Amino acid sequence: MNAVGDGFLTIRRRRSHYQQLTEFERGRVVGLREGGFSFRDIAERLGRNVSTVHDCWQQWSREDTASRRPDSGRPRGTTEREDRRVRRMAVAHRSASAAEIRAAVGTTVTQRTVTNRLLQGQLRARRPIACIPLTPNHCRLRREWCQARAH
């Protein structure tokens, strides 16, 4: 590999050390450790840091559980289901504002929370319309123009 590729892998490998272990990986750590593997061998198999594997095993030894502890901080104001409904409303009703989406979804959260949930889904409250919608008058005028020039 060239120098650029090596640097990318190094950064990627380093970044993976800071991610949480999934429940499946936690189960693998416990199973492999009980199977007689060393912390270093398990860390290499999972592509994780040795200290991460060791901490997972220590938690299993102390508490008989390898599941994640609840996160600290303020709990979210909306559930995953409400977040999906907010995003679905924004896609279905392109010109709806965040306040209108909030009223339609029926959640008890603020307009700012609705805007934040849309931004997390790479959406905006009022997405620009691709073209100006034609009024019935526009349609009538276009039809007349075409019929006048049909022959």
N, C-alpha and C. Protein backbone atom coordinates (compact mmCIF):
# COMPACT_ATOMS: atom_id res chain seq x y z
N MET A 1 0.83 -1.18 0.00
CA MET A 1 0.00 0.00 0.00
C MET A 1 0.87 1.24 0.00
N ASN A 2 0.33 2.33 -0.53
CA ASN A 2 1.09 3.57 -0.53
C ASN A 2 0.95 4.26 0.82
N ALA A 3 1.65 5.39 0.95
CA ALA A 3 1.67 6.10 2.23
C ALA A 3 0.29 6.66 2.58
N VAL A 4 -0.45 7.08 1.57
CA VAL A 4 -1.77 7.65 1.83
C VAL A 4 -2.70 6.56 2.36
N GLY A 5 -2.67 5.38 1.74
CA GLY A 5 -3.52 4.28 2.18
C GLY A 5 -3.20 3.83 3.59
N ASP A 6 -1.90 3.80 3.92
CA ASP A 6 -1.50 3.40 5.26
C ASP A 6 -2.01 4.39 6.30
N GLY A 7 -1.94 5.68 5.97
CA GLY A 7 -2.42 6.70 6.90
C GLY A 7 -3.91 6.58 7.13
N PHE A 8 -4.64 6.28 6.07
CA PHE A 8 -6.10 6.15 6.18
C PHE A 8 -6.46 4.98 7.10
N LEU A 9 -5.77 3.84 6.92
CA LEU A 9 -6.06 2.69 7.76
C LEU A 9 -5.72 2.97 9.22
N THR A 10 -4.61 3.68 9.43
CA THR A 10 -4.21 4.00 10.80
C THR A 10 -5.25 4.87 11.47
N ILE A 11 -5.73 5.90 10.75
CA ILE A 11 -6.74 6.78 11.32
C ILE A 11 -8.02 5.99 11.56
N ARG A 12 -8.40 5.17 10.61
CA ARG A 12 -9.63 4.39 10.74
C ARG A 12 -9.53 3.42 11.91
N ARG A 13 -8.37 2.79 12.05
CA ARG A 13 -8.18 1.84 13.13
C ARG A 13 -8.25 2.57 14.47
N ARG A 14 -7.63 3.75 14.55
CA ARG A 14 -7.65 4.51 15.78
C ARG A 14 -9.07 4.92 16.13
N ARG A 15 -9.82 5.36 15.13
CA ARG A 15 -11.18 5.82 15.38
C ARG A 15 -12.06 4.69 15.89
N SER A 16 -11.85 3.48 15.42
CA SER A 16 -12.69 2.36 15.84
C SER A 16 -12.52 2.06 17.33
N HIS A 17 -11.40 2.47 17.91
CA HIS A 17 -11.18 2.20 19.32
C HIS A 17 -12.12 3.02 20.21
N TYR A 18 -12.61 4.15 19.69
CA TYR A 18 -13.44 5.02 20.51
C TYR A 18 -14.92 4.71 20.38
N GLN A 19 -15.29 3.79 19.51
CA GLN A 19 -16.69 3.43 19.37
C GLN A 19 -17.05 2.40 20.44
N GLN A 20 -18.33 2.41 20.82
CA GLN A 20 -18.80 1.46 21.81
C GLN A 20 -18.84 0.06 21.21
N LEU A 21 -18.62 -0.93 22.05
CA LEU A 21 -18.79 -2.31 21.62
C LEU A 21 -20.28 -2.58 21.45
N THR A 22 -20.63 -3.29 20.40
CA THR A 22 -22.03 -3.67 20.24
C THR A 22 -22.34 -4.82 21.20
N GLU A 23 -23.62 -5.09 21.36
CA GLU A 23 -24.02 -6.20 22.24
C GLU A 23 -23.43 -7.52 21.73
N PHE A 24 -23.41 -7.69 20.41
CA PHE A 24 -22.86 -8.91 19.83
C PHE A 24 -21.37 -9.03 20.15
N GLU A 25 -20.63 -7.91 20.01
CA GLU A 25 -19.19 -7.94 20.30
C GLU A 25 -18.95 -8.21 21.78
N ARG A 26 -19.79 -7.67 22.64
CA ARG A 26 -19.64 -7.93 24.07
C ARG A 26 -19.83 -9.42 24.37
N GLY A 27 -20.80 -10.02 23.69
CA GLY A 27 -21.01 -11.46 23.86
C GLY A 27 -19.83 -12.27 23.35
N ARG A 28 -19.25 -11.81 22.23
CA ARG A 28 -18.07 -12.51 21.70
C ARG A 28 -16.89 -12.41 22.65
N VAL A 29 -16.71 -11.23 23.27
CA VAL A 29 -15.61 -11.06 24.24
C VAL A 29 -15.76 -12.07 25.36
N VAL A 30 -16.95 -12.17 25.91
CA VAL A 30 -17.18 -13.08 27.04
C VAL A 30 -16.97 -14.53 26.59
N GLY A 31 -17.54 -14.87 25.43
CA GLY A 31 -17.40 -16.25 24.94
C GLY A 31 -15.96 -16.63 24.64
N LEU A 32 -15.23 -15.74 23.96
CA LEU A 32 -13.84 -16.04 23.63
C LEU A 32 -12.98 -16.10 24.89
N ARG A 33 -13.25 -15.22 25.84
CA ARG A 33 -12.47 -15.24 27.07
C ARG A 33 -12.71 -16.52 27.85
N GLU A 34 -13.96 -16.95 27.91
CA GLU A 34 -14.26 -18.21 28.58
C GLU A 34 -13.70 -19.39 27.81
N GLY A 35 -13.48 -19.20 26.52
CA GLY A 35 -12.86 -20.24 25.70
C GLY A 35 -11.35 -20.30 25.83
N GLY A 36 -10.76 -19.42 26.63
CA GLY A 36 -9.33 -19.48 26.90
C GLY A 36 -8.48 -18.53 26.08
N PHE A 37 -9.08 -17.63 25.33
CA PHE A 37 -8.30 -16.68 24.53
C PHE A 37 -7.79 -15.54 25.41
N SER A 38 -6.64 -14.99 25.04
CA SER A 38 -6.08 -13.86 25.79
C SER A 38 -6.77 -12.57 25.34
N PHE A 39 -6.61 -11.52 26.15
CA PHE A 39 -7.21 -10.23 25.81
C PHE A 39 -6.66 -9.72 24.48
N ARG A 40 -5.38 -9.93 24.26
CA ARG A 40 -4.75 -9.46 23.02
C ARG A 40 -5.32 -10.20 21.80
N ASP A 41 -5.50 -11.50 21.92
CA ASP A 41 -6.07 -12.28 20.81
C ASP A 41 -7.50 -11.83 20.50
N ILE A 42 -8.28 -11.60 21.54
CA ILE A 42 -9.67 -11.17 21.35
C ILE A 42 -9.70 -9.79 20.70
N ALA A 43 -8.83 -8.90 21.17
CA ALA A 43 -8.78 -7.54 20.62
C ALA A 43 -8.41 -7.57 19.14
N GLU A 44 -7.50 -8.43 18.77
CA GLU A 44 -7.12 -8.54 17.35
C GLU A 44 -8.27 -9.08 16.52
N ARG A 45 -8.97 -10.07 17.04
CA ARG A 45 -10.10 -10.64 16.28
C ARG A 45 -11.21 -9.62 16.07
N LEU A 46 -11.47 -8.79 17.08
CA LEU A 46 -12.56 -7.81 17.00
C LEU A 46 -12.12 -6.49 16.40
N GLY A 47 -10.80 -6.29 16.28
CA GLY A 47 -10.30 -5.01 15.78
C GLY A 47 -10.50 -3.89 16.79
N ARG A 48 -10.39 -4.21 18.05
CA ARG A 48 -10.59 -3.24 19.13
C ARG A 48 -9.35 -3.14 19.99
N ASN A 49 -9.37 -2.20 20.89
CA ASN A 49 -8.26 -1.97 21.79
C ASN A 49 -8.27 -3.04 22.90
N VAL A 50 -7.10 -3.42 23.35
CA VAL A 50 -6.99 -4.44 24.39
C VAL A 50 -7.68 -3.96 25.67
N SER A 51 -7.53 -2.67 25.99
CA SER A 51 -8.14 -2.15 27.22
C SER A 51 -9.67 -2.19 27.13
N THR A 52 -10.22 -1.99 25.94
CA THR A 52 -11.67 -2.07 25.77
C THR A 52 -12.16 -3.48 26.07
N VAL A 53 -11.44 -4.47 25.53
CA VAL A 53 -11.80 -5.87 25.76
C VAL A 53 -11.66 -6.20 27.25
N HIS A 54 -10.59 -5.71 27.85
CA HIS A 54 -10.35 -5.97 29.28
C HIS A 54 -11.45 -5.36 30.13
N ASP A 55 -11.85 -4.12 29.82
CA ASP A 55 -12.91 -3.46 30.60
C ASP A 55 -14.23 -4.21 30.46
N CYS A 56 -14.51 -4.71 29.27
CA CYS A 56 -15.74 -5.47 29.06
C CYS A 56 -15.73 -6.74 29.91
N TRP A 57 -14.59 -7.42 29.93
CA TRP A 57 -14.48 -8.65 30.73
C TRP A 57 -14.59 -8.33 32.23
N GLN A 58 -13.99 -7.22 32.65
CA GLN A 58 -14.07 -6.84 34.06
C GLN A 58 -15.51 -6.57 34.47
N GLN A 59 -16.26 -5.91 33.59
CA GLN A 59 -17.66 -5.65 33.89
C GLN A 59 -18.42 -6.97 34.00
N TRP A 60 -18.14 -7.90 33.11
CA TRP A 60 -18.79 -9.21 33.14
C TRP A 60 -18.45 -9.94 34.45
N SER A 61 -17.20 -9.86 34.88
CA SER A 61 -16.77 -10.55 36.09
C SER A 61 -17.43 -9.95 37.33
N ARG A 62 -17.55 -8.61 37.36
CA ARG A 62 -18.11 -7.93 38.54
C ARG A 62 -19.62 -8.05 38.60
N GLU A 63 -20.30 -7.77 37.47
CA GLU A 63 -21.74 -7.57 37.49
C GLU A 63 -22.54 -8.70 36.83
N ASP A 64 -21.86 -9.69 36.27
CA ASP A 64 -22.51 -10.77 35.52
C ASP A 64 -23.36 -10.25 34.37
N THR A 65 -22.99 -9.11 33.83
CA THR A 65 -23.66 -8.57 32.65
C THR A 65 -22.63 -7.79 31.84
N ALA A 66 -22.77 -7.89 30.54
CA ALA A 66 -21.86 -7.16 29.67
C ALA A 66 -22.59 -6.07 28.91
N SER A 67 -23.84 -5.78 29.31
CA SER A 67 -24.60 -4.77 28.58
C SER A 67 -24.13 -3.37 28.97
N ARG A 68 -24.41 -2.43 28.08
CA ARG A 68 -24.00 -1.05 28.33
C ARG A 68 -24.81 -0.44 29.46
N ARG A 69 -24.14 0.42 30.19
CA ARG A 69 -24.84 1.16 31.22
C ARG A 69 -25.64 2.28 30.56
N PRO A 70 -26.71 2.75 31.22
CA PRO A 70 -27.47 3.84 30.62
C PRO A 70 -26.61 5.09 30.49
N ASP A 71 -26.82 5.83 29.40
CA ASP A 71 -26.04 7.04 29.16
C ASP A 71 -26.43 8.11 30.17
N SER A 72 -25.47 8.96 30.48
CA SER A 72 -25.77 10.09 31.34
C SER A 72 -26.34 11.22 30.48
N GLY A 73 -26.88 12.21 31.12
CA GLY A 73 -27.41 13.36 30.40
C GLY A 73 -28.92 13.35 30.34
N ARG A 74 -29.43 14.39 29.72
CA ARG A 74 -30.87 14.57 29.64
C ARG A 74 -31.48 13.56 28.68
N PRO A 75 -32.60 12.95 29.03
CA PRO A 75 -33.24 12.00 28.10
C PRO A 75 -33.84 12.74 26.91
N ARG A 76 -33.95 12.05 25.78
CA ARG A 76 -34.49 12.64 24.57
C ARG A 76 -35.97 12.96 24.75
N GLY A 77 -36.39 14.03 24.08
CA GLY A 77 -37.78 14.46 24.18
C GLY A 77 -38.70 13.66 23.29
N THR A 78 -38.16 12.97 22.31
CA THR A 78 -38.98 12.19 21.38
C THR A 78 -38.46 10.77 21.30
N THR A 79 -39.35 9.88 20.95
CA THR A 79 -38.95 8.49 20.73
C THR A 79 -38.52 8.32 19.28
N GLU A 80 -37.96 7.16 18.96
CA GLU A 80 -37.56 6.87 17.59
C GLU A 80 -38.76 6.89 16.66
N ARG A 81 -39.89 6.40 17.14
CA ARG A 81 -41.10 6.38 16.32
C ARG A 81 -41.56 7.80 15.99
N GLU A 82 -41.53 8.68 16.99
CA GLU A 82 -41.91 10.07 16.75
C GLU A 82 -40.94 10.75 15.78
N ASP A 83 -39.65 10.43 15.90
CA ASP A 83 -38.66 10.98 14.97
C ASP A 83 -38.96 10.57 13.54
N ARG A 84 -39.33 9.30 13.35
CA ARG A 84 -39.66 8.82 12.01
C ARG A 84 -40.90 9.51 11.46
N ARG A 85 -41.90 9.73 12.33
CA ARG A 85 -43.11 10.41 11.90
C ARG A 85 -42.83 11.84 11.47
N VAL A 86 -41.96 12.52 12.20
CA VAL A 86 -41.58 13.89 11.85
C VAL A 86 -40.91 13.91 10.49
N ARG A 87 -39.97 13.00 10.27
CA ARG A 87 -39.27 12.96 8.97
C ARG A 87 -40.22 12.60 7.84
N ARG A 88 -41.14 11.66 8.10
CA ARG A 88 -42.10 11.26 7.07
C ARG A 88 -43.02 12.42 6.69
N MET A 89 -43.44 13.20 7.68
CA MET A 89 -44.30 14.35 7.40
C MET A 89 -43.57 15.39 6.56
N ALA A 90 -42.28 15.60 6.86
CA ALA A 90 -41.51 16.59 6.10
C ALA A 90 -41.36 16.17 4.65
N VAL A 91 -41.22 14.87 4.40
CA VAL A 91 -41.09 14.38 3.03
C VAL A 91 -42.43 14.43 2.30
N ALA A 92 -43.50 14.08 3.00
CA ALA A 92 -44.81 14.04 2.37
C ALA A 92 -45.35 15.44 2.08
N HIS A 93 -45.11 16.38 3.00
CA HIS A 93 -45.63 17.74 2.85
C HIS A 93 -44.45 18.69 2.74
N ARG A 94 -44.01 18.91 1.52
CA ARG A 94 -42.77 19.64 1.28
C ARG A 94 -42.78 21.07 1.77
N SER A 95 -43.92 21.73 1.71
CA SER A 95 -43.95 23.15 2.06
C SER A 95 -44.38 23.39 3.51
N ALA A 96 -44.48 22.35 4.32
CA ALA A 96 -44.92 22.50 5.71
C ALA A 96 -43.78 23.05 6.57
N SER A 97 -44.13 23.94 7.47
CA SER A 97 -43.14 24.49 8.39
C SER A 97 -42.97 23.53 9.57
N ALA A 98 -41.97 23.82 10.40
CA ALA A 98 -41.73 22.97 11.57
C ALA A 98 -42.91 23.03 12.53
N ALA A 99 -43.55 24.19 12.65
CA ALA A 99 -44.71 24.31 13.53
C ALA A 99 -45.88 23.48 13.01
N GLU A 100 -46.08 23.49 11.70
CA GLU A 100 -47.16 22.69 11.12
C GLU A 100 -46.89 21.20 11.28
N ILE A 101 -45.65 20.80 11.09
CA ILE A 101 -45.28 19.39 11.26
C ILE A 101 -45.51 18.97 12.71
N ARG A 102 -45.11 19.83 13.63
CA ARG A 102 -45.30 19.54 15.06
C ARG A 102 -46.77 19.36 15.40
N ALA A 103 -47.62 20.23 14.85
CA ALA A 103 -49.05 20.14 15.12
C ALA A 103 -49.63 18.87 14.50
N ALA A 104 -49.16 18.51 13.30
CA ALA A 104 -49.70 17.33 12.61
C ALA A 104 -49.27 16.03 13.30
N VAL A 105 -48.04 15.99 13.77
CA VAL A 105 -47.54 14.78 14.42
C VAL A 105 -48.16 14.62 15.79
N GLY A 106 -48.46 15.74 16.47
CA GLY A 106 -49.13 15.66 17.75
C GLY A 106 -48.22 15.40 18.93
N THR A 107 -46.94 15.69 18.80
CA THR A 107 -46.04 15.49 19.94
C THR A 107 -46.08 16.71 20.84
N THR A 108 -45.61 16.54 22.05
CA THR A 108 -45.61 17.63 23.02
C THR A 108 -44.25 18.29 23.10
N VAL A 109 -43.50 18.27 22.03
CA VAL A 109 -42.17 18.86 22.02
C VAL A 109 -42.22 20.23 21.35
N THR A 110 -41.13 20.94 21.44
CA THR A 110 -41.08 22.29 20.89
C THR A 110 -40.82 22.25 19.38
N GLN A 111 -41.05 23.39 18.77
CA GLN A 111 -40.79 23.54 17.34
C GLN A 111 -39.30 23.35 17.05
N ARG A 112 -38.44 23.80 17.96
CA ARG A 112 -36.99 23.67 17.79
C ARG A 112 -36.59 22.18 17.77
N THR A 113 -37.23 21.37 18.61
CA THR A 113 -36.94 19.94 18.63
C THR A 113 -37.30 19.31 17.29
N VAL A 114 -38.44 19.70 16.73
CA VAL A 114 -38.84 19.18 15.42
C VAL A 114 -37.80 19.56 14.37
N THR A 115 -37.34 20.80 14.40
CA THR A 115 -36.31 21.25 13.45
C THR A 115 -35.03 20.45 13.64
N ASN A 116 -34.65 20.19 14.89
CA ASN A 116 -33.43 19.40 15.15
C ASN A 116 -33.57 17.98 14.61
N ARG A 117 -34.73 17.35 14.79
CA ARG A 117 -34.93 15.99 14.30
C ARG A 117 -34.87 15.96 12.77
N LEU A 118 -35.38 16.98 12.13
CA LEU A 118 -35.30 17.06 10.67
C LEU A 118 -33.86 17.21 10.22
N LEU A 119 -33.11 18.06 10.91
CA LEU A 119 -31.70 18.26 10.53
C LEU A 119 -30.89 16.99 10.74
N GLN A 120 -31.23 16.21 11.77
CA GLN A 120 -30.52 14.95 11.99
C GLN A 120 -30.78 13.97 10.85
N GLY A 121 -31.92 14.10 10.19
CA GLY A 121 -32.24 13.25 9.04
C GLY A 121 -31.90 13.90 7.71
N GLN A 122 -31.04 14.94 7.73
CA GLN A 122 -30.64 15.69 6.54
C GLN A 122 -31.86 16.27 5.80
N LEU A 123 -32.83 16.77 6.56
CA LEU A 123 -34.02 17.38 5.98
C LEU A 123 -34.17 18.79 6.53
N ARG A 124 -35.01 19.56 5.88
CA ARG A 124 -35.36 20.89 6.36
C ARG A 124 -36.86 20.97 6.43
N ALA A 125 -37.38 21.92 7.22
CA ALA A 125 -38.83 22.03 7.37
C ALA A 125 -39.47 22.42 6.04
N ARG A 126 -38.99 23.47 5.41
CA ARG A 126 -39.55 23.87 4.12
C ARG A 126 -38.53 23.61 3.04
N ARG A 127 -38.67 22.50 2.36
CA ARG A 127 -37.75 22.19 1.27
C ARG A 127 -38.20 22.95 0.04
N PRO A 128 -37.27 23.47 -0.76
CA PRO A 128 -37.68 24.21 -1.96
C PRO A 128 -38.38 23.30 -2.95
N ILE A 129 -39.44 23.82 -3.55
CA ILE A 129 -40.19 23.07 -4.54
C ILE A 129 -39.44 23.14 -5.87
N ALA A 130 -39.40 22.05 -6.59
CA ALA A 130 -38.62 21.97 -7.82
C ALA A 130 -39.13 22.94 -8.88
N CYS A 131 -40.44 23.14 -8.95
CA CYS A 131 -40.99 24.07 -9.93
C CYS A 131 -42.22 24.74 -9.34
N ILE A 132 -42.62 25.84 -9.95
CA ILE A 132 -43.80 26.55 -9.48
C ILE A 132 -45.03 25.77 -9.91
N PRO A 133 -45.92 25.46 -8.98
CA PRO A 133 -47.11 24.71 -9.37
C PRO A 133 -48.02 25.55 -10.26
N LEU A 134 -48.57 24.92 -11.30
CA LEU A 134 -49.44 25.62 -12.24
C LEU A 134 -50.84 25.76 -11.66
N THR A 135 -51.39 26.96 -11.80
CA THR A 135 -52.76 27.20 -11.39
C THR A 135 -53.69 26.76 -12.51
N PRO A 136 -54.97 26.60 -12.24
CA PRO A 136 -55.90 26.26 -13.33
C PRO A 136 -55.88 27.30 -14.45
N ASN A 137 -55.64 28.55 -14.10
CA ASN A 137 -55.56 29.59 -15.13
C ASN A 137 -54.34 29.37 -16.03
N HIS A 138 -53.20 29.02 -15.44
CA HIS A 138 -52.00 28.71 -16.24
C HIS A 138 -52.29 27.57 -17.21
N CYS A 139 -52.93 26.52 -16.70
CA CYS A 139 -53.22 25.35 -17.55
C CYS A 139 -54.12 25.75 -18.72
N ARG A 140 -55.14 26.59 -18.44
CA ARG A 140 -56.05 27.02 -19.51
C ARG A 140 -55.31 27.83 -20.56
N LEU A 141 -54.45 28.75 -20.12
CA LEU A 141 -53.70 29.58 -21.07
C LEU A 141 -52.74 28.73 -21.91
N ARG A 142 -52.09 27.76 -21.29
CA ARG A 142 -51.16 26.89 -22.05
C ARG A 142 -51.93 26.06 -23.08
N ARG A 143 -53.08 25.54 -22.67
CA ARG A 143 -53.89 24.74 -23.59
C ARG A 143 -54.33 25.59 -24.79
N GLU A 144 -54.78 26.83 -24.54
CA GLU A 144 -55.19 27.72 -25.62
C GLU A 144 -54.03 28.02 -26.54
N TRP A 145 -52.85 28.25 -25.99
CA TRP A 145 -51.67 28.56 -26.80
C TRP A 145 -51.33 27.38 -27.69
N CYS A 146 -51.38 26.17 -27.14
CA CYS A 146 -51.06 24.97 -27.92
C CYS A 146 -52.12 24.71 -29.01
N GLN A 147 -53.38 24.89 -28.65
CA GLN A 147 -54.45 24.65 -29.64
C GLN A 147 -54.38 25.66 -30.77
N ALA A 148 -53.99 26.89 -30.49
CA ALA A 148 -53.86 27.90 -31.54
C ALA A 148 -52.75 27.56 -32.52
N ARG A 149 -51.75 26.83 -32.07
CA ARG A 149 -50.60 26.51 -32.91
C ARG A 149 -50.55 25.05 -33.32
N ALA A 150 -51.62 24.31 -33.08
CA ALA A 150 -51.64 22.86 -33.37
C ALA A 150 -51.54 22.60 -34.88
N HIS A 151 -52.11 23.46 -35.70
CA HIS A 151 -52.08 23.24 -37.14
C HIS A 151 -51.22 24.29 -37.78
